[in-house]
C-alpha atoms as a PDB file:
ATOM      1  CA  MET A   1    -123.267  23.393  -1.767  1.00  0.00           C
ATOM      2  CA  ILE A   2    -122.686  19.792  -2.769  1.00  0.00           C
ATOM      3  CA  LYS A   3    -120.488  17.196  -1.096  1.00  0.00           C
ATOM      4  CA  TYR A   4    -118.692  14.667  -3.283  1.00  0.00           C
ATOM      5  CA  ALA A   5    -117.158  11.396  -2.150  1.00  0.00           C
ATOM      6  CA  LEU A   6    -113.921  11.127  -4.123  1.00  0.00           C
ATOM      7  CA  HIS A   7    -111.001   8.738  -4.434  1.00  0.00           C
ATOM      8  CA  CYS A   8    -107.563   8.871  -6.014  1.00  0.00           C
ATOM      9  CA  GLU A   9    -105.649   6.375  -8.110  1.00  0.00           C
ATOM     10  CA  ARG A  10    -104.219   4.882  -4.894  1.00  0.00           C
ATOM     11  CA  ALA A  11    -107.782   4.286  -3.564  1.00  0.00           C
ATOM     12  CA  HIS A  12    -107.555   6.938  -0.832  1.00  0.00           C
ATOM     13  CA  GLU A  13    -111.131   8.046  -0.150  1.00  0.00           C
ATOM     14  CA  PHE A  14    -112.092  11.551   0.957  1.00  0.00           C
ATOM     15  CA  GLU A  15    -114.927  14.072   0.742  1.00  0.00           C
ATOM     16  CA  VAL A  16    -114.956  17.642  -0.523  1.00  0.00           C
ATOM     17  CA  TRP A  17    -117.652  20.347  -0.601  1.00  0.00           C
ATOM     18  CA  PHE A  18    -118.141  22.360  -3.809  1.00  0.00           C
ATOM     19  CA  LYS A  19    -120.392  25.284  -4.686  1.00  0.00           C
ATOM     20  CA  ASN A  20    -122.084  23.118  -7.330  1.00  0.00           C
ATOM     21  CA  SER A  21    -121.258  20.340  -9.799  1.00  0.00           C
ATOM     22  CA  ALA A  22    -119.923  22.832 -12.352  1.00  0.00           C
ATOM     23  CA  ASP A  23    -117.499  24.162  -9.717  1.00  0.00           C
ATOM     24  CA  TYR A  24    -116.217  20.603  -9.134  1.00  0.00           C
ATOM     25  CA  ASP A  25    -115.746  20.064 -12.888  1.00  0.00           C
ATOM     26  CA  LYS A  26    -113.967  23.394 -13.296  1.00  0.00           C
ATOM     27  CA  GLN A  27    -111.598  22.817 -10.350  1.00  0.00           C
ATOM     28  CA  ARG A  28    -110.818  19.253 -11.405  1.00  0.00           C
ATOM     29  CA  LYS A  29    -109.990  20.305 -14.994  1.00  0.00           C
ATOM     30  CA  ARG A  30    -107.616  22.963 -13.630  1.00  0.00           C
ATOM     31  CA  GLY A  31    -105.894  20.351 -11.408  1.00  0.00           C
ATOM     32  CA  LEU A  32    -107.035  22.014  -8.187  1.00  0.00           C
ATOM     33  CA  VAL A  33    -108.601  18.865  -6.706  1.00  0.00           C
ATOM     34  CA  SER A  34    -106.012  16.553  -5.161  1.00  0.00           C
ATOM     35  CA  CYS A  35    -105.862  13.712  -2.658  1.00  0.00           C
ATOM     36  CA  PRO A  36    -105.107  14.958   0.872  1.00  0.00           C
ATOM     37  CA  ALA A  37    -103.268  11.706   1.661  1.00  0.00           C
ATOM     38  CA  CYS A  38    -100.892  11.392  -1.309  1.00  0.00           C
ATOM     39  CA  GLY A  39    -101.330  14.588  -3.346  1.00  0.00           C
ATOM     40  CA  SER A  40    -102.430  12.795  -6.523  1.00  0.00           C
ATOM     41  CA  ASP A  41    -104.559  14.862  -8.895  1.00  0.00           C
ATOM     42  CA  LYS A  42    -105.950  11.746 -10.596  1.00  0.00           C
ATOM     43  CA  ILE A  43    -109.314  11.971  -8.822  1.00  0.00           C
ATOM     44  CA  VAL A  44    -112.667  10.363  -9.621  1.00  0.00           C
ATOM     45  CA  LYS A  45    -116.058  10.483  -7.937  1.00  0.00           C
ATOM     46  CA  SER A  46    -116.969   7.518  -5.749  1.00  0.00           C
ATOM     47  CA  LEU A  47    -120.433   6.018  -5.722  1.00  0.00           C
ATOM     48  CA  MET A  48    -122.581   7.987  -3.319  1.00  0.00           C
ATOM     49  CA  ALA A  49    -126.218   8.447  -2.398  1.00  0.00           C
ATOM     50  CA  PRO A  50    -126.964  12.151  -1.854  1.00  0.00           C
ATOM     51  CA  SER A  51    -129.143  12.984   1.093  1.00  0.00           C
ATOM     52  CA  LEU A  52    -130.811  16.369   0.972  1.00  0.00           C
ATOM     53  CA  GLY A  53    -133.154  18.532   3.011  1.00  0.00           C
ATOM     54  CA  ARG A  54    -135.164  21.733   2.549  1.00  0.00           C
ATOM     55  CA  GLY A  55    -135.075  24.882   4.666  1.00  0.00           C
ATOM     56  CA  THR A  56    -138.282  26.467   5.959  1.00  0.00           C
ATOM     57  CA  LYS A  57    -139.365  29.983   5.024  1.00  0.00           C
ATOM     58  CA  LYS A  58    -141.659  31.035   7.878  1.00  0.00           C
ATOM     59  CA  GLY A  59    -139.198  31.348  10.778  1.00  0.00           C
ATOM     60  CA  GLY A  60    -139.193  27.636  11.476  1.00  0.00           C
ATOM     61  CA  VAL A  61    -136.239  25.388  11.951  1.00  0.00           C
ATOM     62  CA  ALA A  62    -134.494  24.388   8.735  1.00  0.00           C
ATOM     63  CA  ALA A  63    -135.200  20.834   7.737  1.00  0.00           C
ATOM     64  CA  VAL A  64    -132.258  18.624   6.923  1.00  0.00           C
ATOM     65  CA  PRO A  65    -131.656  15.240   5.427  1.00  0.00           C
ATOM     66  CA  GLU A  66    -130.983  12.005   7.187  1.00  0.00           C
ATOM     67  CA  ALA A  67    -127.297  11.222   7.340  1.00  0.00           C
ATOM     68  CA  VAL A  68    -125.876   9.128   4.557  1.00  0.00           C
ATOM     69  CA  PRO A  69    -123.416   6.568   5.870  1.00  0.00           C
ATOM     70  CA  GLU A  70    -119.935   7.911   5.338  1.00  0.00           C
ATOM     71  CA  THR A  71    -117.495   6.056   3.179  1.00  0.00           C
ATOM     72  CA  VAL A  72    -114.855   4.260   5.166  1.00  0.00           C
ATOM     73  CA  PRO A  73    -111.469   5.787   4.437  1.00  0.00           C
ATOM     74  CA  ALA A  74    -108.872   3.568   2.845  1.00  0.00           C
ATOM     75  CA  ALA A  75    -106.399   1.988   5.206  1.00  0.00           C
ATOM     76  CA  PRO A  76    -103.465   4.353   5.608  1.00  0.00           C
ATOM     77  CA  ASP A  77    -100.493   3.589   3.407  1.00  0.00           C
ATOM     78  CA  THR A  78     -97.740   2.514   5.780  1.00  0.00           C
ATOM     79  CA  SER A  79     -94.870   3.292   3.433  1.00  0.00           C
ATOM     80  CA  PRO A  80     -92.587   5.907   5.035  1.00  0.00           C
ATOM     81  CA  GLU A  81     -92.878   8.466   2.200  1.00  0.00           C
ATOM     82  CA  ILE A  82     -96.688   8.725   2.394  1.00  0.00           C
ATOM     83  CA  LYS A  83     -98.075  10.929   5.154  1.00  0.00           C
ATOM     84  CA  SER A  84    -101.700  11.317   6.193  1.00  0.00           C
ATOM     85  CA  PRO A  85    -103.152  14.674   7.213  1.00  0.00           C
ATOM     86  CA  VAL A  86    -103.711  15.053  10.958  1.00  0.00           C
ATOM     87  CA  ALA A  87    -104.842  17.899  13.208  1.00  0.00           C
ATOM     88  CA  MET A  88    -105.271  18.877  16.820  1.00  0.00           C
ATOM     89  CA  MET A  89    -108.403  20.828  17.673  1.00  0.00           C
ATOM     90  CA  SER A  90    -108.523  23.858  19.884  1.00  0.00           C
ATOM     91  CA  PRO A  91    -111.160  24.036  22.626  1.00  0.00           C
ATOM     92  CA  GLN A  92    -113.115  26.481  20.408  1.00  0.00           C
ATOM     93  CA  GLU A  93    -113.141  24.002  17.518  1.00  0.00           C
ATOM     94  CA  SER A  94    -114.269  21.208  19.831  1.00  0.00           C
ATOM     95  CA  GLU A  95    -117.088  23.425  21.089  1.00  0.00           C
ATOM     96  CA  PHE A  96    -118.089  24.287  17.513  1.00  0.00           C
ATOM     97  CA  ARG A  97    -118.245  20.583  16.593  1.00  0.00           C
ATOM     98  CA  ALA A  98    -120.374  19.880  19.655  1.00  0.00           C
ATOM     99  CA  LYS A  99    -122.782  22.657  18.649  1.00  0.00           C
ATOM    100  CA  LEU A 100    -123.035  21.303  15.088  1.00  0.00           C
ATOM    101  CA  LYS A 101    -123.832  17.840  16.452  1.00  0.00           C
ATOM    102  CA  GLU A 102    -126.404  19.353  18.820  1.00  0.00           C
ATOM    103  CA  LEU A 103    -128.008  21.234  15.892  1.00  0.00           C
ATOM    104  CA  ARG A 104    -128.153  18.089  13.780  1.00  0.00           C
ATOM    105  CA  ASP A 105    -129.649  16.062  16.632  1.00  0.00           C
ATOM    106  CA  HIS A 106    -132.259  18.783  17.237  1.00  0.00           C
ATOM    107  CA  LEU A 107    -133.220  18.952  13.560  1.00  0.00           C
ATOM    108  CA  THR A 108    -133.601  15.205  13.112  1.00  0.00           C
ATOM    109  CA  LYS A 109    -135.549  14.940  16.366  1.00  0.00           C
ATOM    110  CA  ASN A 110    -137.969  17.729  15.400  1.00  0.00           C
ATOM    111  CA  ALA A 111    -138.466  17.008  11.703  1.00  0.00           C
ATOM    112  CA  GLU A 112    -140.337  14.234   9.942  1.00  0.00           C
ATOM    113  CA  ASN A 113    -138.253  11.641   8.102  1.00  0.00           C
ATOM    114  CA  VAL A 114    -139.999  11.189   4.754  1.00  0.00           C
ATOM    115  CA  GLY A 115    -137.267   8.935   3.340  1.00  0.00           C
ATOM    116  CA  GLY A 116    -137.312   8.572  -0.435  1.00  0.00           C
ATOM    117  CA  LYS A 117    -140.479  10.686  -0.704  1.00  0.00           C
ATOM    118  CA  PHE A 118    -138.398  13.784   0.033  1.00  0.00           C
ATOM    119  CA  PRO A 119    -138.443  15.268  -3.508  1.00  0.00           C
ATOM    120  CA  ASP A 120    -142.233  14.848  -3.817  1.00  0.00           C
ATOM    121  CA  GLU A 121    -142.952  16.278  -0.366  1.00  0.00           C
ATOM    122  CA  ALA A 122    -140.551  19.197  -0.909  1.00  0.00           C
ATOM    123  CA  ARG A 123    -142.207  20.043  -4.230  1.00  0.00           C
ATOM    124  CA  LYS A 124    -145.710  19.890  -2.736  1.00  0.00           C
ATOM    125  CA  MET A 125    -144.649  22.331  -0.011  1.00  0.00           C
ATOM    126  CA  HIS A 126    -142.791  24.588  -2.451  1.00  0.00           C
ATOM    127  CA  TYR A 127    -145.810  24.868  -4.741  1.00  0.00           C
ATOM    128  CA  GLY A 128    -148.277  25.340  -1.881  1.00  0.00           C
ATOM    129  CA  GLU A 129    -150.072  22.008  -2.308  1.00  0.00           C
ATOM    130  CA  ILE A 130    -149.460  21.081   1.334  1.00  0.00           C
ATOM    131  CA  GLU A 131    -148.544  23.033   4.452  1.00  0.00           C
ATOM    132  CA  HIS A 132    -144.866  23.687   5.128  1.00  0.00           C
ATOM    133  CA  ARG A 133    -143.308  21.547   7.846  1.00  0.00           C
ATOM    134  CA  SER A 134    -139.820  20.409   8.793  1.00  0.00           C
ATOM    135  CA  ILE A 135    -138.826  17.288   6.879  1.00  0.00           C
ATOM    136  CA  TYR A 136    -135.714  15.370   5.947  1.00  0.00           C
ATOM    137  CA  GLY A 137    -135.076  12.380   3.727  1.00  0.00           C
ATOM    138  CA  GLU A 138    -133.234  11.190   0.646  1.00  0.00           C
ATOM    139  CA  ALA A 139    -133.022  12.235  -2.995  1.00  0.00           C
ATOM    140  CA  THR A 140    -131.079  11.130  -6.039  1.00  0.00           C
ATOM    141  CA  ALA A 141    -128.536  13.444  -7.640  1.00  0.00           C
ATOM    142  CA  GLU A 142    -130.984  13.981 -10.526  1.00  0.00           C
ATOM    143  CA  ASP A 143    -133.810  14.869  -8.089  1.00  0.00           C
ATOM    144  CA  ALA A 144    -131.505  17.329  -6.322  1.00  0.00           C
ATOM    145  CA  LYS A 145    -130.526  18.986  -9.594  1.00  0.00           C
ATOM    146  CA  GLU A 146    -134.164  19.322 -10.650  1.00  0.00           C
ATOM    147  CA  MET A 147    -135.185  20.755  -7.269  1.00  0.00           C
ATOM    148  CA  LEU A 148    -132.377  23.329  -7.482  1.00  0.00           C
ATOM    149  CA  GLU A 149    -133.513  24.322 -10.973  1.00  0.00           C
ATOM    150  CA  GLU A 150    -137.065  24.747  -9.632  1.00  0.00           C
ATOM    151  CA  GLY A 151    -135.800  27.053  -6.863  1.00  0.00           C
ATOM    152  CA  ILE A 152    -136.546  24.619  -4.025  1.00  0.00           C
ATOM    153  CA  GLU A 153    -134.262  25.345  -1.089  1.00  0.00           C
ATOM    154  CA  PHE A 154    -132.684  22.405   0.734  1.00  0.00           C
ATOM    155  CA  HIS A 155    -129.526  21.826   2.749  1.00  0.00           C
ATOM    156  CA  PRO A 156    -127.298  18.861   3.550  1.00  0.00           C
ATOM    157  CA  LEU A 157    -127.253  17.539   7.075  1.00  0.00           C
ATOM    158  CA  PRO A 158    -123.841  18.169   8.644  1.00  0.00           C
ATOM    159  CA  VAL A 159    -121.831  14.996   9.233  1.00  0.00           C
ATOM    160  CA  LEU A 160    -118.711  15.388  11.337  1.00  0.00           C
ATOM    161  CA  PRO A 161    -115.536  13.327  10.772  1.00  0.00           C
ATOM    162  CA  ASP A 162    -115.483  12.068  14.379  1.00  0.00           C
ATOM    163  CA  GLU A 163    -118.830  10.340  13.735  1.00  0.00           C
ATOM    164  CA  ARG A 164    -116.989   7.880  11.507  1.00  0.00           C
ATOM    165  CA  ASN A 165    -115.071   6.447  14.485  1.00  0.00           C
END
């Protein structure tokens, strides 16, 4: 899975998860990607710094990346015809969010932050050059693509919308 920071022609910013970059391209060409605030299908990728982690194989806790600061959403358009999406959460959804936050906090507390060395450390572990351990850090989009092609497993660290407040 890959998370893209996107924005529309009206500068509304939002994020969407895709199976992979080809899935994003395919959906965008078919007009299936649209702005949740205004419905525009004129969407482009925003600048973003991917942050990736690698899962463990020997029953350990999956390592995850350090959170990338979220983009600040555009100020809501106050014109009466534009509506912003809103939701109320059920107690079950609130509990699920709390568990995701607890998982993230546990992973970052119990894994080593290797920062920008993440791709190198992940490769060394994958190829058996060093012992497997829980790590998280940062990688460029190109590094992430290369690691995927090499079969290196990694996962994004969950970031919840309420953490932006």
